[in-house]
C-alpha cells in the first residue's frame, strides 16, 4: 500500500511540473504577440534624461568652467568614471504609443574648461562655436 501511495505522489509532482512547464511555454509564446490598440485609451508620453534644446547648445562657449556648463545644461546624465573630462547628456522620449527617439550631446573638457562638443545638435549662428569660415578656409563676409 505504501508503494502505491508514493507512486501517486510522484505522479502528482510530475503532473504539476508538466503543468508549470506548459504554462511557461504558452506565456512565452504570447509575449511576441502585438497588443491590440483600443480606441480612446490614453497613453502617456515618456521622457527620461536631460532635456536638450538648441538654445542650451547655443549658450555654450569654449572655455566655460564645469559650473557654468552645469548652469546652462544641468547635471550630466552620464559621467564616465574612467574619463572625468567627458560628460554625456542623453534625452530619451516616446510620445504616447509613438516611436521612441533619442538625443545625445557629449561635452569634452581640457584643464577643467569646456573644449569641444559633439552629438545630435549643431551650434547655431548665434553660438560661439559657430564656424564663420567658408569651405576654402577664408573668413565669411559679415556684409553678405
Protein backbone atom coordinates (compact mmCIF):
# COMPACT_ATOMS: atom_id res chain seq x y z
CA UNK A 1 0.00 0.00 0.00
CA UNK A 2 2.87 2.34 0.79
CA UNK A 3 4.40 1.92 -2.67
CA UNK A 4 1.09 2.75 -4.36
CA UNK A 5 0.78 5.93 -2.32
CA UNK A 6 4.36 7.00 -3.17
CA UNK A 7 3.70 6.35 -6.88
CA UNK A 8 0.65 8.63 -6.72
CA UNK A 9 2.65 11.40 -5.04
CA UNK A 10 5.39 11.10 -7.68
CA UNK A 11 2.74 11.23 -10.40
CA UNK A 12 1.24 14.38 -8.85
CA UNK A 13 4.62 16.08 -8.63
CA UNK A 14 5.41 15.22 -12.27
CA UNK A 15 1.96 16.40 -13.35
CA UNK A 16 2.38 19.72 -11.55
CA UNK A 17 5.87 20.14 -13.03
CA UNK A 18 4.49 19.44 -16.51
CA UNK A 19 1.71 21.98 -15.93
CA UNK A 20 4.23 24.64 -14.90
CA UNK A 21 6.41 23.94 -17.94
CA UNK A 22 3.39 24.06 -20.27
CA UNK A 23 2.25 27.35 -18.72
CA UNK A 24 5.75 28.85 -19.19
CA UNK A 25 5.79 27.78 -22.85
CA UNK A 26 2.35 29.22 -23.53
CA UNK A 27 3.11 32.58 -21.88
CA UNK A 28 6.46 32.92 -23.62
CA UNK A 29 4.78 32.24 -26.97
CA UNK A 30 2.30 35.03 -26.28
CA UNK A 31 4.98 37.62 -25.49
CA UNK A 32 5.68 38.18 -29.20
CA UNK A 33 2.05 38.94 -29.97
CA UNK A 34 1.06 42.52 -30.74
CA UNK A 35 -1.24 44.11 -28.20
CA UNK A 36 -4.38 45.45 -29.89
CA UNK A 37 -4.86 49.21 -29.87
CA UNK A 38 -8.10 50.16 -28.20
CA UNK A 39 -9.72 53.41 -29.33
CA UNK A 40 -9.95 56.09 -26.67
CA UNK A 41 -7.19 54.65 -24.48
CA UNK A 42 -4.80 57.36 -23.35
CA UNK A 43 -1.09 56.59 -23.44
CA UNK A 44 1.30 58.90 -21.64
CA UNK A 45 4.43 60.31 -23.20
CA UNK A 46 7.59 59.03 -21.55
CA UNK A 47 10.62 61.32 -21.22
CA UNK A 48 13.85 60.33 -19.47
CA UNK A 49 17.20 62.05 -19.04
CA UNK A 50 18.29 65.62 -19.65
CA UNK A 51 16.11 67.78 -21.86
CA UNK A 52 18.39 69.25 -24.52
CA UNK A 53 17.39 72.30 -26.57
CA UNK A 54 19.10 74.25 -29.33
CA UNK A 55 19.07 77.33 -27.09
CA UNK A 56 21.11 75.46 -24.48
CA UNK A 57 23.68 74.41 -27.08
CA UNK A 58 23.91 77.99 -28.39
CA UNK A 59 24.69 79.26 -24.86
CA UNK A 60 27.74 77.02 -24.54
CA UNK A 61 31.09 78.68 -25.21
CA UNK A 62 34.62 77.31 -25.42
CA UNK A 63 36.47 77.86 -22.16
CA UNK A 64 33.42 77.66 -19.87
CA UNK A 65 34.04 76.11 -16.45
CA UNK A 66 32.23 72.97 -15.35
CA UNK A 67 29.98 75.01 -13.05
CA UNK A 68 28.98 77.29 -15.91
CA UNK A 69 28.17 74.27 -18.07
CA UNK A 70 26.02 72.80 -15.28
CA UNK A 71 24.22 76.14 -15.00
CA UNK A 72 23.34 76.02 -18.72
CA UNK A 73 22.84 72.29 -19.31
CA UNK A 74 22.13 70.84 -15.90
CA UNK A 75 23.92 67.90 -14.31
CA UNK A 76 25.03 65.38 -16.95
CA UNK A 77 23.19 62.08 -17.06
CA UNK A 78 26.40 60.11 -17.59
CA UNK A 79 29.84 60.93 -16.20
CA UNK A 80 32.42 58.42 -17.34
CA UNK A 81 34.27 57.20 -14.22
CA UNK A 82 37.38 56.46 -16.30
CA UNK A 83 37.40 59.78 -18.19
CA UNK A 84 36.42 62.67 -15.92
CA UNK A 85 36.74 65.10 -18.83
CA UNK A 86 33.78 63.63 -20.76
CA UNK A 87 30.16 64.44 -19.95
CA UNK A 88 27.25 62.86 -21.82
CA UNK A 89 23.79 64.35 -21.90
CA UNK A 90 21.12 61.91 -23.11
CA UNK A 91 17.39 62.53 -23.60
CA UNK A 92 15.02 59.66 -24.44
CA UNK A 93 11.42 60.33 -25.29
CA UNK A 94 8.47 58.33 -26.54
CA UNK A 95 5.19 60.03 -27.33
CA UNK A 96 2.18 58.00 -26.19
CA UNK A 97 2.16 54.96 -28.44
CA UNK A 98 4.68 56.57 -30.83
CA UNK A 99 8.20 55.79 -31.91
CA UNK A 100 10.98 56.22 -29.35
CA UNK A 101 13.53 58.96 -30.04
CA UNK A 102 16.85 59.87 -28.51
CA UNK A 103 19.05 62.97 -28.47
CA UNK A 104 22.68 62.98 -27.31
CA UNK A 105 25.34 65.60 -26.65
CA UNK A 106 28.89 64.87 -25.50
CA UNK A 107 30.97 67.64 -23.92
CA UNK A 108 34.73 67.36 -23.52
CA UNK A 109 36.87 69.33 -21.06
CA UNK A 110 40.58 70.14 -21.07
CA UNK A 111 42.20 71.65 -17.97
CA UNK A 112 38.77 71.99 -16.33
CA UNK A 113 37.46 74.12 -19.25
CA UNK A 114 34.98 73.18 -21.99
CA UNK A 115 36.92 72.34 -25.14
CA UNK A 116 34.55 70.60 -27.56
CA UNK A 117 31.03 69.37 -28.12
CA UNK A 118 29.58 66.71 -30.37
CA UNK A 119 26.30 64.93 -30.83
CA UNK A 120 22.88 65.44 -32.37
CA UNK A 121 22.93 69.26 -32.19
CA UNK A 122 24.88 71.69 -34.37
CA UNK A 123 25.82 75.08 -32.92
CA UNK A 124 23.59 77.78 -34.38
CA UNK A 125 24.69 81.10 -35.92
CA UNK A 126 24.23 82.79 -32.53
CA UNK A 127 26.66 80.38 -30.86
CA UNK A 128 30.33 80.96 -30.05
CA UNK A 129 31.01 77.53 -31.63
CA UNK A 130 29.55 78.56 -34.98
CA UNK A 131 32.05 78.15 -37.82
CA UNK A 132 32.37 81.50 -39.61
CA UNK A 133 34.76 80.19 -42.28
CA UNK A 134 33.54 79.01 -45.64
CA UNK A 135 34.72 75.88 -47.45
CA UNK A 136 38.04 77.34 -48.75
CA UNK A 137 39.10 78.43 -45.24
CA UNK A 138 38.62 82.19 -45.72
CA UNK A 139 36.57 84.11 -43.19
CA UNK A 140 32.96 84.64 -44.20
CA UNK A 141 31.92 88.19 -45.12
CA UNK A 142 29.56 89.59 -42.48
CA UNK A 143 28.01 92.05 -45.01
CA UNK A 144 26.54 89.40 -47.27
